[in-house]
Amino acid sequence: IVIARPDTNKIVLTAMLSAIACVVMLLVRINF
């Protein structure tokens, strides 16, 4: 049985970009 290994780079990159998205979401909030 071969278990596919997750792509660590993609997981880390997704987490990093999610963190950036959270920061900009919290800092920039405008009602126009």
mmCIF file of all heavy atoms, coordinates in Angstrom:
data_MODEL
# 
_entry.id   MODEL 
# 
loop_
_atom_site.group_PDB 
_atom_site.id 
_atom_site.type_symbol 
_atom_site.label_atom_id 
_atom_site.label_alt_id 
_atom_site.label_comp_id 
_atom_site.label_asym_id 
_atom_site.label_entity_id 
_atom_site.label_seq_id 
_atom_site.pdbx_PDB_ins_code 
_atom_site.Cartn_x 
_atom_site.Cartn_y 
_atom_site.Cartn_z 
_atom_site.occupancy 
_atom_site.B_iso_or_equiv 
_atom_site.pdbx_formal_charge 
_atom_site.auth_seq_id 
_atom_site.auth_comp_id 
_atom_site.auth_asym_id 
_atom_site.auth_atom_id 
_atom_site.pdbx_PDB_model_num 
ATOM 1   N N   . ILE A 1 1  ? 0.852   -1.190 0.000  1.00 0.00 ? 1  ILE A N   1 
ATOM 2   C CA  . ILE A 1 1  ? 0.000   0.000  0.000  1.00 0.00 ? 1  ILE A CA  1 
ATOM 3   C C   . ILE A 1 1  ? 0.887   1.239  0.000  1.00 0.00 ? 1  ILE A C   1 
ATOM 4   O O   . ILE A 1 1  ? 1.740   1.409  0.869  1.00 0.00 ? 1  ILE A O   1 
ATOM 5   C CB  . ILE A 1 1  ? -0.929  0.028  1.237  1.00 0.00 ? 1  ILE A CB  1 
ATOM 6   C CG1 . ILE A 1 1  ? -1.838  -1.203 1.216  1.00 0.00 ? 1  ILE A CG1 1 
ATOM 7   C CG2 . ILE A 1 1  ? -1.757  1.303  1.264  1.00 0.00 ? 1  ILE A CG2 1 
ATOM 8   C CD1 . ILE A 1 1  ? -2.670  -1.359 2.465  1.00 0.00 ? 1  ILE A CD1 1 
ATOM 9   N N   . VAL A 1 2  ? 0.669   2.066  -1.006 1.00 0.00 ? 2  VAL A N   1 
ATOM 10  C CA  . VAL A 1 2  ? 1.461   3.293  -1.113 1.00 0.00 ? 2  VAL A CA  1 
ATOM 11  C C   . VAL A 1 2  ? 0.588   4.476  -0.724 1.00 0.00 ? 2  VAL A C   1 
ATOM 12  O O   . VAL A 1 2  ? -0.465  4.703  -1.311 1.00 0.00 ? 2  VAL A O   1 
ATOM 13  C CB  . VAL A 1 2  ? 1.985   3.494  -2.558 1.00 0.00 ? 2  VAL A CB  1 
ATOM 14  C CG1 . VAL A 1 2  ? 2.789   4.794  -2.645 1.00 0.00 ? 2  VAL A CG1 1 
ATOM 15  C CG2 . VAL A 1 2  ? 2.830   2.305  -2.978 1.00 0.00 ? 2  VAL A CG2 1 
ATOM 16  N N   . ILE A 1 3  ? 1.028   5.199  0.293  1.00 0.00 ? 3  ILE A N   1 
ATOM 17  C CA  . ILE A 1 3  ? 0.290   6.377  0.746  1.00 0.00 ? 3  ILE A CA  1 
ATOM 18  C C   . ILE A 1 3  ? 0.931   7.619  0.149  1.00 0.00 ? 3  ILE A C   1 
ATOM 19  O O   . ILE A 1 3  ? 2.130   7.851  0.311  1.00 0.00 ? 3  ILE A O   1 
ATOM 20  C CB  . ILE A 1 3  ? 0.295   6.480  2.287  1.00 0.00 ? 3  ILE A CB  1 
ATOM 21  C CG1 . ILE A 1 3  ? -0.354  5.228  2.882  1.00 0.00 ? 3  ILE A CG1 1 
ATOM 22  C CG2 . ILE A 1 3  ? -0.434  7.735  2.756  1.00 0.00 ? 3  ILE A CG2 1 
ATOM 23  C CD1 . ILE A 1 3  ? -0.267  5.145  4.384  1.00 0.00 ? 3  ILE A CD1 1 
ATOM 24  N N   . ALA A 1 4  ? 0.120   8.381  -0.583 1.00 0.00 ? 4  ALA A N   1 
ATOM 25  C CA  . ALA A 1 4  ? 0.648   9.588  -1.220 1.00 0.00 ? 4  ALA A CA  1 
ATOM 26  C C   . ALA A 1 4  ? 1.065   10.608 -0.165 1.00 0.00 ? 4  ALA A C   1 
ATOM 27  O O   . ALA A 1 4  ? 0.327   10.874 0.771  1.00 0.00 ? 4  ALA A O   1 
ATOM 28  C CB  . ALA A 1 4  ? -0.413  10.197 -2.141 1.00 0.00 ? 4  ALA A CB  1 
ATOM 29  N N   . ARG A 1 5  ? 2.261   11.126 -0.317 1.00 0.00 ? 5  ARG A N   1 
ATOM 30  C CA  . ARG A 1 5  ? 2.762   12.118 0.638  1.00 0.00 ? 5  ARG A CA  1 
ATOM 31  C C   . ARG A 1 5  ? 2.255   13.501 0.243  1.00 0.00 ? 5  ARG A C   1 
ATOM 32  O O   . ARG A 1 5  ? 2.245   13.854 -0.926 1.00 0.00 ? 5  ARG A O   1 
ATOM 33  C CB  . ARG A 1 5  ? 4.286   12.110 0.641  1.00 0.00 ? 5  ARG A CB  1 
ATOM 34  C CG  . ARG A 1 5  ? 4.873   10.821 1.152  1.00 0.00 ? 5  ARG A CG  1 
ATOM 35  C CD  . ARG A 1 5  ? 6.377   10.841 1.067  1.00 0.00 ? 5  ARG A CD  1 
ATOM 36  N NE  . ARG A 1 5  ? 6.937   11.877 1.920  1.00 0.00 ? 5  ARG A NE  1 
ATOM 37  C CZ  . ARG A 1 5  ? 8.216   12.211 1.921  1.00 0.00 ? 5  ARG A CZ  1 
ATOM 38  N NH1 . ARG A 1 5  ? 9.063   11.603 1.119  1.00 0.00 ? 5  ARG A NH1 1 
ATOM 39  N NH2 . ARG A 1 5  ? 8.653   13.163 2.723  1.00 0.00 ? 5  ARG A NH2 1 
ATOM 40  N N   . PRO A 1 6  ? 1.813   14.286 1.207  1.00 0.00 ? 6  PRO A N   1 
ATOM 41  C CA  . PRO A 1 6  ? 1.352   15.625 0.879  1.00 0.00 ? 6  PRO A CA  1 
ATOM 42  C C   . PRO A 1 6  ? 2.502   16.498 0.400  1.00 0.00 ? 6  PRO A C   1 
ATOM 43  O O   . PRO A 1 6  ? 3.650   16.301 0.802  1.00 0.00 ? 6  PRO A O   1 
ATOM 44  C CB  . PRO A 1 6  ? 0.785   16.143 2.211  1.00 0.00 ? 6  PRO A CB  1 
ATOM 45  C CG  . PRO A 1 6  ? 1.490   15.343 3.251  1.00 0.00 ? 6  PRO A CG  1 
ATOM 46  C CD  . PRO A 1 6  ? 1.753   13.998 2.643  1.00 0.00 ? 6  PRO A CD  1 
ATOM 47  N N   . ASP A 1 7  ? 2.227   17.435 -0.456 1.00 0.00 ? 7  ASP A N   1 
ATOM 48  C CA  . ASP A 1 7  ? 3.234   18.366 -0.938 1.00 0.00 ? 7  ASP A CA  1 
ATOM 49  C C   . ASP A 1 7  ? 3.467   19.412 0.149  1.00 0.00 ? 7  ASP A C   1 
ATOM 50  O O   . ASP A 1 7  ? 2.670   20.329 0.332  1.00 0.00 ? 7  ASP A O   1 
ATOM 51  C CB  . ASP A 1 7  ? 2.740   19.022 -2.241 1.00 0.00 ? 7  ASP A CB  1 
ATOM 52  C CG  . ASP A 1 7  ? 3.846   19.799 -2.925 1.00 0.00 ? 7  ASP A CG  1 
ATOM 53  O OD1 . ASP A 1 7  ? 4.656   20.412 -2.208 1.00 0.00 ? 7  ASP A OD1 1 
ATOM 54  O OD2 . ASP A 1 7  ? 3.894   19.795 -4.160 1.00 0.00 ? 7  ASP A OD2 1 
ATOM 55  N N   . THR A 1 8  ? 4.561   19.239 0.874  1.00 0.00 ? 8  THR A N   1 
ATOM 56  C CA  . THR A 1 8  ? 4.837   20.113 2.019  1.00 0.00 ? 8  THR A CA  1 
ATOM 57  C C   . THR A 1 8  ? 4.951   21.569 1.603  1.00 0.00 ? 8  THR A C   1 
ATOM 58  O O   . THR A 1 8  ? 4.457   22.464 2.299  1.00 0.00 ? 8  THR A O   1 
ATOM 59  C CB  . THR A 1 8  ? 6.142   19.667 2.718  1.00 0.00 ? 8  THR A CB  1 
ATOM 60  O OG1 . THR A 1 8  ? 6.041   18.284 3.029  1.00 0.00 ? 8  THR A OG1 1 
ATOM 61  C CG2 . THR A 1 8  ? 6.375   20.468 3.984  1.00 0.00 ? 8  THR A CG2 1 
ATOM 62  N N   . ASN A 1 9  ? 5.614   21.810 0.476  1.00 0.00 ? 9  ASN A N   1 
ATOM 63  C CA  . ASN A 1 9  ? 5.777   23.180 0.004  1.00 0.00 ? 9  ASN A CA  1 
ATOM 64  C C   . ASN A 1 9  ? 4.433   23.864 -0.195 1.00 0.00 ? 9  ASN A C   1 
ATOM 65  O O   . ASN A 1 9  ? 4.238   25.025 0.181  1.00 0.00 ? 9  ASN A O   1 
ATOM 66  C CB  . ASN A 1 9  ? 6.562   23.212 -1.311 1.00 0.00 ? 9  ASN A CB  1 
ATOM 67  C CG  . ASN A 1 9  ? 8.060   23.168 -1.086 1.00 0.00 ? 9  ASN A CG  1 
ATOM 68  O OD1 . ASN A 1 9  ? 8.519   23.133 0.054  1.00 0.00 ? 9  ASN A OD1 1 
ATOM 69  N ND2 . ASN A 1 9  ? 8.817   23.144 -2.157 1.00 0.00 ? 9  ASN A ND2 1 
ATOM 70  N N   . LYS A 1 10 ? 3.495   23.147 -0.795 1.00 0.00 ? 10 LYS A N   1 
ATOM 71  C CA  . LYS A 1 10 ? 2.181   23.738 -1.074 1.00 0.00 ? 10 LYS A CA  1 
ATOM 72  C C   . LYS A 1 10 ? 1.399   23.984 0.216  1.00 0.00 ? 10 LYS A C   1 
ATOM 73  O O   . LYS A 1 10 ? 0.690   24.987 0.333  1.00 0.00 ? 10 LYS A O   1 
ATOM 74  C CB  . LYS A 1 10 ? 1.381   22.829 -2.015 1.00 0.00 ? 10 LYS A CB  1 
ATOM 75  C CG  . LYS A 1 10 ? 1.900   22.849 -3.440 1.00 0.00 ? 10 LYS A CG  1 
ATOM 76  C CD  . LYS A 1 10 ? 1.044   21.989 -4.341 1.00 0.00 ? 10 LYS A CD  1 
ATOM 77  C CE  . LYS A 1 10 ? 1.596   21.986 -5.757 1.00 0.00 ? 10 LYS A CE  1 
ATOM 78  N NZ  . LYS A 1 10 ? 0.809   21.115 -6.656 1.00 0.00 ? 10 LYS A NZ  1 
ATOM 79  N N   . ILE A 1 11 ? 1.521   23.067 1.173  1.00 0.00 ? 11 ILE A N   1 
ATOM 80  C CA  . ILE A 1 11 ? 0.837   23.244 2.459  1.00 0.00 ? 11 ILE A CA  1 
ATOM 81  C C   . ILE A 1 11 ? 1.385   24.469 3.184  1.00 0.00 ? 11 ILE A C   1 
ATOM 82  O O   . ILE A 1 11 ? 0.630   25.306 3.683  1.00 0.00 ? 11 ILE A O   1 
ATOM 83  C CB  . ILE A 1 11 ? 0.988   21.982 3.331  1.00 0.00 ? 11 ILE A CB  1 
ATOM 84  C CG1 . ILE A 1 11 ? 0.244   20.804 2.699  1.00 0.00 ? 11 ILE A CG1 1 
ATOM 85  C CG2 . ILE A 1 11 ? 0.465   22.239 4.741  1.00 0.00 ? 11 ILE A CG2 1 
ATOM 86  C CD1 . ILE A 1 11 ? 0.501   19.471 3.368  1.00 0.00 ? 11 ILE A CD1 1 
ATOM 87  N N   . VAL A 1 12 ? 2.715   24.574 3.215  1.00 0.00 ? 12 VAL A N   1 
ATOM 88  C CA  . VAL A 1 12 ? 3.357   25.717 3.883  1.00 0.00 ? 12 VAL A CA  1 
ATOM 89  C C   . VAL A 1 12 ? 2.980   27.021 3.183  1.00 0.00 ? 12 VAL A C   1 
ATOM 90  O O   . VAL A 1 12 ? 2.667   28.031 3.830  1.00 0.00 ? 12 VAL A O   1 
ATOM 91  C CB  . VAL A 1 12 ? 4.885   25.540 3.919  1.00 0.00 ? 12 VAL A CB  1 
ATOM 92  C CG1 . VAL A 1 12 ? 5.576   26.813 4.401  1.00 0.00 ? 12 VAL A CG1 1 
ATOM 93  C CG2 . VAL A 1 12 ? 5.265   24.359 4.812  1.00 0.00 ? 12 VAL A CG2 1 
ATOM 94  N N   . LEU A 1 13 ? 3.008   26.997 1.850  1.00 0.00 ? 13 LEU A N   1 
ATOM 95  C CA  . LEU A 1 13 ? 2.686   28.196 1.074  1.00 0.00 ? 13 LEU A CA  1 
ATOM 96  C C   . LEU A 1 13 ? 1.231   28.607 1.276  1.00 0.00 ? 13 LEU A C   1 
ATOM 97  O O   . LEU A 1 13 ? 0.920   29.801 1.422  1.00 0.00 ? 13 LEU A O   1 
ATOM 98  C CB  . LEU A 1 13 ? 2.962   27.932 -0.404 1.00 0.00 ? 13 LEU A CB  1 
ATOM 99  C CG  . LEU A 1 13 ? 3.071   29.134 -1.337 1.00 0.00 ? 13 LEU A CG  1 
ATOM 100 C CD1 . LEU A 1 13 ? 4.038   30.176 -0.816 1.00 0.00 ? 13 LEU A CD1 1 
ATOM 101 C CD2 . LEU A 1 13 ? 3.472   28.668 -2.736 1.00 0.00 ? 13 LEU A CD2 1 
ATOM 102 N N   . THR A 1 14 ? 0.331   27.626 1.312  1.00 0.00 ? 14 THR A N   1 
ATOM 103 C CA  . THR A 1 14 ? -1.082  27.918 1.562  1.00 0.00 ? 14 THR A CA  1 
ATOM 104 C C   . THR A 1 14 ? -1.270  28.535 2.942  1.00 0.00 ? 14 THR A C   1 
ATOM 105 O O   . THR A 1 14 ? -2.011  29.512 3.109  1.00 0.00 ? 14 THR A O   1 
ATOM 106 C CB  . THR A 1 14 ? -1.938  26.632 1.444  1.00 0.00 ? 14 THR A CB  1 
ATOM 107 O OG1 . THR A 1 14 ? -1.793  26.092 0.131  1.00 0.00 ? 14 THR A OG1 1 
ATOM 108 C CG2 . THR A 1 14 ? -3.406  26.923 1.697  1.00 0.00 ? 14 THR A CG2 1 
ATOM 109 N N   . ALA A 1 15 ? -0.593  27.976 3.935  1.00 0.00 ? 15 ALA A N   1 
ATOM 110 C CA  . ALA A 1 15 ? -0.679  28.515 5.297  1.00 0.00 ? 15 ALA A CA  1 
ATOM 111 C C   . ALA A 1 15 ? -0.120  29.934 5.364  1.00 0.00 ? 15 ALA A C   1 
ATOM 112 O O   . ALA A 1 15 ? -0.703  30.816 6.006  1.00 0.00 ? 15 ALA A O   1 
ATOM 113 C CB  . ALA A 1 15 ? 0.069   27.602 6.266  1.00 0.00 ? 15 ALA A CB  1 
ATOM 114 N N   . MET A 1 16 ? 1.007   30.158 4.683  1.00 0.00 ? 16 MET A N   1 
ATOM 115 C CA  . MET A 1 16 ? 1.636   31.475 4.709  1.00 0.00 ? 16 MET A CA  1 
ATOM 116 C C   . MET A 1 16 ? 0.730   32.524 4.054  1.00 0.00 ? 16 MET A C   1 
ATOM 117 O O   . MET A 1 16 ? 0.509   33.606 4.607  1.00 0.00 ? 16 MET A O   1 
ATOM 118 C CB  . MET A 1 16 ? 2.975   31.424 3.976  1.00 0.00 ? 16 MET A CB  1 
ATOM 119 C CG  . MET A 1 16 ? 3.736   32.744 3.963  1.00 0.00 ? 16 MET A CG  1 
ATOM 120 S SD  . MET A 1 16 ? 5.235   32.673 2.946  1.00 0.00 ? 16 MET A SD  1 
ATOM 121 C CE  . MET A 1 16 ? 4.494   32.767 1.300  1.00 0.00 ? 16 MET A CE  1 
ATOM 122 N N   . LEU A 1 17 ? 0.180   32.192 2.879  1.00 0.00 ? 17 LEU A N   1 
ATOM 123 C CA  . LEU A 1 17 ? -0.698  33.133 2.184  1.00 0.00 ? 17 LEU A CA  1 
ATOM 124 C C   . LEU A 1 17 ? -2.000  33.353 2.958  1.00 0.00 ? 17 LEU A C   1 
ATOM 125 O O   . LEU A 1 17 ? -2.546  34.462 2.960  1.00 0.00 ? 17 LEU A O   1 
ATOM 126 C CB  . LEU A 1 17 ? -0.989  32.635 0.765  1.00 0.00 ? 17 LEU A CB  1 
ATOM 127 C CG  . LEU A 1 17 ? 0.197   32.676 -0.209 1.00 0.00 ? 17 LEU A CG  1 
ATOM 128 C CD1 . LEU A 1 17 ? -0.158  31.986 -1.525 1.00 0.00 ? 17 LEU A CD1 1 
ATOM 129 C CD2 . LEU A 1 17 ? 0.647   34.106 -0.473 1.00 0.00 ? 17 LEU A CD2 1 
ATOM 130 N N   . SER A 1 18 ? -2.490  32.307 3.620  1.00 0.00 ? 18 SER A N   1 
ATOM 131 C CA  . SER A 1 18 ? -3.692  32.459 4.457  1.00 0.00 ? 18 SER A CA  1 
ATOM 132 C C   . SER A 1 18 ? -3.429  33.438 5.594  1.00 0.00 ? 18 SER A C   1 
ATOM 133 O O   . SER A 1 18 ? -4.285  34.273 5.929  1.00 0.00 ? 18 SER A O   1 
ATOM 134 C CB  . SER A 1 18 ? -4.116  31.102 5.032  1.00 0.00 ? 18 SER A CB  1 
ATOM 135 O OG  . SER A 1 18 ? -4.492  30.216 4.013  1.00 0.00 ? 18 SER A OG  1 
ATOM 136 N N   . ALA A 1 19 ? -2.241  33.339 6.198  1.00 0.00 ? 19 ALA A N   1 
ATOM 137 C CA  . ALA A 1 19 ? -1.882  34.258 7.284  1.00 0.00 ? 19 ALA A CA  1 
ATOM 138 C C   . ALA A 1 19 ? -1.815  35.698 6.785  1.00 0.00 ? 19 ALA A C   1 
ATOM 139 O O   . ALA A 1 19 ? -2.300  36.627 7.442  1.00 0.00 ? 19 ALA A O   1 
ATOM 140 C CB  . ALA A 1 19 ? -0.541  33.848 7.888  1.00 0.00 ? 19 ALA A CB  1 
ATOM 141 N N   . ILE A 1 20 ? -1.230  35.884 5.590  1.00 0.00 ? 20 ILE A N   1 
ATOM 142 C CA  . ILE A 1 20 ? -1.155  37.233 5.006  1.00 0.00 ? 20 ILE A CA  1 
ATOM 143 C C   . ILE A 1 20 ? -2.557  37.762 4.730  1.00 0.00 ? 20 ILE A C   1 
ATOM 144 O O   . ILE A 1 20 ? -2.872  38.930 5.015  1.00 0.00 ? 20 ILE A O   1 
ATOM 145 C CB  . ILE A 1 20 ? -0.314  37.220 3.717  1.00 0.00 ? 20 ILE A CB  1 
ATOM 146 C CG1 . ILE A 1 20 ? 1.139   36.867 4.032  1.00 0.00 ? 20 ILE A CG1 1 
ATOM 147 C CG2 . ILE A 1 20 ? -0.390  38.579 3.013  1.00 0.00 ? 20 ILE A CG2 1 
ATOM 148 C CD1 . ILE A 1 20 ? 1.988   36.617 2.804  1.00 0.00 ? 20 ILE A CD1 1 
ATOM 149 N N   . ALA A 1 21 ? -3.419  36.898 4.174  1.00 0.00 ? 21 ALA A N   1 
ATOM 150 C CA  . ALA A 1 21 ? -4.801  37.307 3.882  1.00 0.00 ? 21 ALA A CA  1 
ATOM 151 C C   . ALA A 1 21 ? -5.540  37.697 5.162  1.00 0.00 ? 21 ALA A C   1 
ATOM 152 O O   . ALA A 1 21 ? -6.322  38.656 5.166  1.00 0.00 ? 21 ALA A O   1 
ATOM 153 C CB  . ALA A 1 21 ? -5.538  36.180 3.161  1.00 0.00 ? 21 ALA A CB  1 
ATOM 154 N N   . CYS A 1 22 ? -5.300  36.966 6.239  1.00 0.00 ? 22 CYS A N   1 
ATOM 155 C CA  . CYS A 1 22 ? -5.929  37.301 7.529  1.00 0.00 ? 22 CYS A CA  1 
ATOM 156 C C   . CYS A 1 22 ? -5.467  38.665 8.021  1.00 0.00 ? 22 CYS A C   1 
ATOM 157 O O   . CYS A 1 22 ? -6.277  39.468 8.514  1.00 0.00 ? 22 CYS A O   1 
ATOM 158 C CB  . CYS A 1 22 ? -5.598  36.237 8.571  1.00 0.00 ? 22 CYS A CB  1 
ATOM 159 S SG  . CYS A 1 22 ? -6.457  34.663 8.327  1.00 0.00 ? 22 CYS A SG  1 
ATOM 160 N N   . VAL A 1 23 ? -4.179  38.937 7.884  1.00 0.00 ? 23 VAL A N   1 
ATOM 161 C CA  . VAL A 1 23 ? -3.632  40.218 8.354  1.00 0.00 ? 23 VAL A CA  1 
ATOM 162 C C   . VAL A 1 23 ? -4.241  41.380 7.583  1.00 0.00 ? 23 VAL A C   1 
ATOM 163 O O   . VAL A 1 23 ? -4.699  42.363 8.180  1.00 0.00 ? 23 VAL A O   1 
ATOM 164 C CB  . VAL A 1 23 ? -2.089  40.225 8.235  1.00 0.00 ? 23 VAL A CB  1 
ATOM 165 C CG1 . VAL A 1 23 ? -1.541  41.633 8.481  1.00 0.00 ? 23 VAL A CG1 1 
ATOM 166 C CG2 . VAL A 1 23 ? -1.466  39.244 9.218  1.00 0.00 ? 23 VAL A CG2 1 
ATOM 167 N N   . VAL A 1 24 ? -4.273  41.282 6.236  1.00 0.00 ? 24 VAL A N   1 
ATOM 168 C CA  . VAL A 1 24 ? -4.817  42.399 5.445  1.00 0.00 ? 24 VAL A CA  1 
ATOM 169 C C   . VAL A 1 24 ? -6.322  42.548 5.683  1.00 0.00 ? 24 VAL A C   1 
ATOM 170 O O   . VAL A 1 24 ? -6.857  43.660 5.674  1.00 0.00 ? 24 VAL A O   1 
ATOM 171 C CB  . VAL A 1 24 ? -4.509  42.253 3.940  1.00 0.00 ? 24 VAL A CB  1 
ATOM 172 C CG1 . VAL A 1 24 ? -3.015  42.250 3.695  1.00 0.00 ? 24 VAL A CG1 1 
ATOM 173 C CG2 . VAL A 1 24 ? -5.164  41.012 3.332  1.00 0.00 ? 24 VAL A CG2 1 
ATOM 174 N N   . MET A 1 25 ? -7.002  41.423 5.940  1.00 0.00 ? 25 MET A N   1 
ATOM 175 C CA  . MET A 1 25 ? -8.433  41.481 6.240  1.00 0.00 ? 25 MET A CA  1 
ATOM 176 C C   . MET A 1 25 ? -8.690  42.210 7.554  1.00 0.00 ? 25 MET A C   1 
ATOM 177 O O   . MET A 1 25 ? -9.642  42.992 7.684  1.00 0.00 ? 25 MET A O   1 
ATOM 178 C CB  . MET A 1 25 ? -9.000  40.056 6.294  1.00 0.00 ? 25 MET A CB  1 
ATOM 179 C CG  . MET A 1 25 ? -10.462 39.941 6.689  1.00 0.00 ? 25 MET A CG  1 
ATOM 180 S SD  . MET A 1 25 ? -10.706 39.802 8.496  1.00 0.00 ? 25 MET A SD  1 
ATOM 181 C CE  . MET A 1 25 ? -9.911  38.241 8.843  1.00 0.00 ? 25 MET A CE  1 
ATOM 182 N N   . LEU A 1 26 ? -7.838  41.982 8.534  1.00 0.00 ? 26 LEU A N   1 
ATOM 183 C CA  . LEU A 1 26 ? -8.000  42.619 9.846  1.00 0.00 ? 26 LEU A CA  1 
ATOM 184 C C   . LEU A 1 26 ? -7.593  44.094 9.828  1.00 0.00 ? 26 LEU A C   1 
ATOM 185 O O   . LEU A 1 26 ? -8.190  44.919 10.518 1.00 0.00 ? 26 LEU A O   1 
ATOM 186 C CB  . LEU A 1 26 ? -7.172  41.872 10.890 1.00 0.00 ? 26 LEU A CB  1 
ATOM 187 C CG  . LEU A 1 26 ? -7.643  40.454 11.246 1.00 0.00 ? 26 LEU A CG  1 
ATOM 188 C CD1 . LEU A 1 26 ? -6.601  39.739 12.077 1.00 0.00 ? 26 LEU A CD1 1 
ATOM 189 C CD2 . LEU A 1 26 ? -8.978  40.478 11.972 1.00 0.00 ? 26 LEU A CD2 1 
ATOM 190 N N   . LEU A 1 27 ? -6.589  44.434 9.023  1.00 0.00 ? 27 LEU A N   1 
ATOM 191 C CA  . LEU A 1 27 ? -6.054  45.798 9.025  1.00 0.00 ? 27 LEU A CA  1 
ATOM 192 C C   . LEU A 1 27 ? -6.805  46.760 8.106  1.00 0.00 ? 27 LEU A C   1 
ATOM 193 O O   . LEU A 1 27 ? -6.905  47.951 8.395  1.00 0.00 ? 27 LEU A O   1 
ATOM 194 C CB  . LEU A 1 27 ? -4.571  45.772 8.632  1.00 0.00 ? 27 LEU A CB  1 
ATOM 195 C CG  . LEU A 1 27 ? -3.610  45.112 9.613  1.00 0.00 ? 27 LEU A CG  1 
ATOM 196 C CD1 . LEU A 1 27 ? -2.185  45.160 9.079  1.00 0.00 ? 27 LEU A CD1 1 
ATOM 197 C CD2 . LEU A 1 27 ? -3.680  45.783 10.984 1.00 0.00 ? 27 LEU A CD2 1 
ATOM 198 N N   . VAL A 1 28 ? -7.308  46.252 6.983  1.00 0.00 ? 28 VAL A N   1 
ATOM 199 C CA  . VAL A 1 28 ? -7.956  47.126 5.994  1.00 0.00 ? 28 VAL A CA  1 
ATOM 200 C C   . VAL A 1 28 ? -9.433  46.754 5.880  1.00 0.00 ? 28 VAL A C   1 
ATOM 201 O O   . VAL A 1 28 ? -9.789  45.736 5.296  1.00 0.00 ? 28 VAL A O   1 
ATOM 202 C CB  . VAL A 1 28 ? -7.278  47.001 4.610  1.00 0.00 ? 28 VAL A CB  1 
ATOM 203 C CG1 . VAL A 1 28 ? -7.928  47.967 3.621  1.00 0.00 ? 28 VAL A CG1 1 
ATOM 204 C CG2 . VAL A 1 28 ? -5.788  47.255 4.717  1.00 0.00 ? 28 VAL A CG2 1 
ATOM 205 N N   . ARG A 1 29 ? -10.279 47.585 6.451  1.00 0.00 ? 29 ARG A N   1 
ATOM 206 C CA  . ARG A 1 29 ? -11.726 47.365 6.402  1.00 0.00 ? 29 ARG A CA  1 
ATOM 207 C C   . ARG A 1 29 ? -12.387 48.714 6.149  1.00 0.00 ? 29 ARG A C   1 
ATOM 208 O O   . ARG A 1 29 ? -12.314 49.615 6.982  1.00 0.00 ? 29 ARG A O   1 
ATOM 209 C CB  . ARG A 1 29 ? -12.229 46.729 7.702  1.00 0.00 ? 29 ARG A CB  1 
ATOM 210 C CG  . ARG A 1 29 ? -11.603 45.369 7.978  1.00 0.00 ? 29 ARG A CG  1 
ATOM 211 C CD  . ARG A 1 29 ? -12.179 44.699 9.204  1.00 0.00 ? 29 ARG A CD  1 
ATOM 212 N NE  . ARG A 1 29 ? -13.572 44.340 9.051  1.00 0.00 ? 29 ARG A NE  1 
ATOM 213 C CZ  . ARG A 1 29 ? -14.009 43.268 8.385  1.00 0.00 ? 29 ARG A CZ  1 
ATOM 214 N NH1 . ARG A 1 29 ? -13.148 42.454 7.800  1.00 0.00 ? 29 ARG A NH1 1 
ATOM 215 N NH2 . ARG A 1 29 ? -15.291 43.008 8.299  1.00 0.00 ? 29 ARG A NH2 1 
ATOM 216 N N   . ILE A 1 30 ? -12.996 48.851 4.976  1.00 0.00 ? 30 ILE A N   1 
ATOM 217 C CA  . ILE A 1 30 ? -13.539 50.143 4.535  1.00 0.00 ? 30 ILE A CA  1 
ATOM 218 C C   . ILE A 1 30 ? -14.993 49.971 4.105  1.00 0.00 ? 30 ILE A C   1 
ATOM 219 O O   . ILE A 1 30 ? -15.318 49.055 3.347  1.00 0.00 ? 30 ILE A O   1 
ATOM 220 C CB  . ILE A 1 30 ? -12.725 50.712 3.350  1.00 0.00 ? 30 ILE A CB  1 
ATOM 221 C CG1 . ILE A 1 30 ? -11.241 50.851 3.733  1.00 0.00 ? 30 ILE A CG1 1 
ATOM 222 C CG2 . ILE A 1 30 ? -13.289 52.047 2.895  1.00 0.00 ? 30 ILE A CG2 1 
ATOM 223 C CD1 . ILE A 1 30 ? -10.334 51.119 2.554  1.00 0.00 ? 30 ILE A CD1 1 
ATOM 224 N N   . ASN A 1 31 ? -15.844 50.867 4.583  1.00 0.00 ? 31 ASN A N   1 
ATOM 225 C CA  . ASN A 1 31 ? -17.230 50.907 4.097  1.00 0.00 ? 31 ASN A CA  1 
ATOM 226 C C   . ASN A 1 31 ? -17.376 52.127 3.199  1.00 0.00 ? 31 ASN A C   1 
ATOM 227 O O   . ASN A 1 31 ? -17.199 53.251 3.639  1.00 0.00 ? 31 ASN A O   1 
ATOM 228 C CB  . ASN A 1 31 ? -18.218 50.995 5.261  1.00 0.00 ? 31 ASN A CB  1 
ATOM 229 C CG  . ASN A 1 31 ? -19.637 51.269 4.766  1.00 0.00 ? 31 ASN A CG  1 
ATOM 230 O OD1 . ASN A 1 31 ? -20.121 52.390 4.860  1.00 0.00 ? 31 ASN A OD1 1 
ATOM 231 N ND2 . ASN A 1 31 ? -20.268 50.259 4.218  1.00 0.00 ? 31 ASN A ND2 1 
ATOM 232 N N   . PHE A 1 32 ? -17.649 51.887 1.913  1.00 0.00 ? 32 PHE A N   1 
ATOM 233 C CA  . PHE A 1 32 ? -17.846 53.003 0.990  1.00 0.00 ? 32 PHE A CA  1 
ATOM 234 C C   . PHE A 1 32 ? -19.262 53.019 0.417  1.00 0.00 ? 32 PHE A C   1 
ATOM 235 O O   . PHE A 1 32 ? -19.538 53.681 -0.565 1.00 0.00 ? 32 PHE A O   1 
ATOM 236 C CB  . PHE A 1 32 ? -16.803 52.980 -0.149 1.00 0.00 ? 32 PHE A CB  1 
ATOM 237 C CG  . PHE A 1 32 ? -16.736 51.676 -0.917 1.00 0.00 ? 32 PHE A CG  1 
ATOM 238 C CD1 . PHE A 1 32 ? -17.625 51.402 -1.941 1.00 0.00 ? 32 PHE A CD1 1 
ATOM 239 C CD2 . PHE A 1 32 ? -15.758 50.748 -0.612 1.00 0.00 ? 32 PHE A CD2 1 
ATOM 240 C CE1 . PHE A 1 32 ? -17.562 50.216 -2.645 1.00 0.00 ? 32 PHE A CE1 1 
ATOM 241 C CE2 . PHE A 1 32 ? -15.681 49.549 -1.314 1.00 0.00 ? 32 PHE A CE2 1 
ATOM 242 C CZ  . PHE A 1 32 ? -16.588 49.284 -2.341 1.00 0.00 ? 32 PHE A CZ  1 
# 
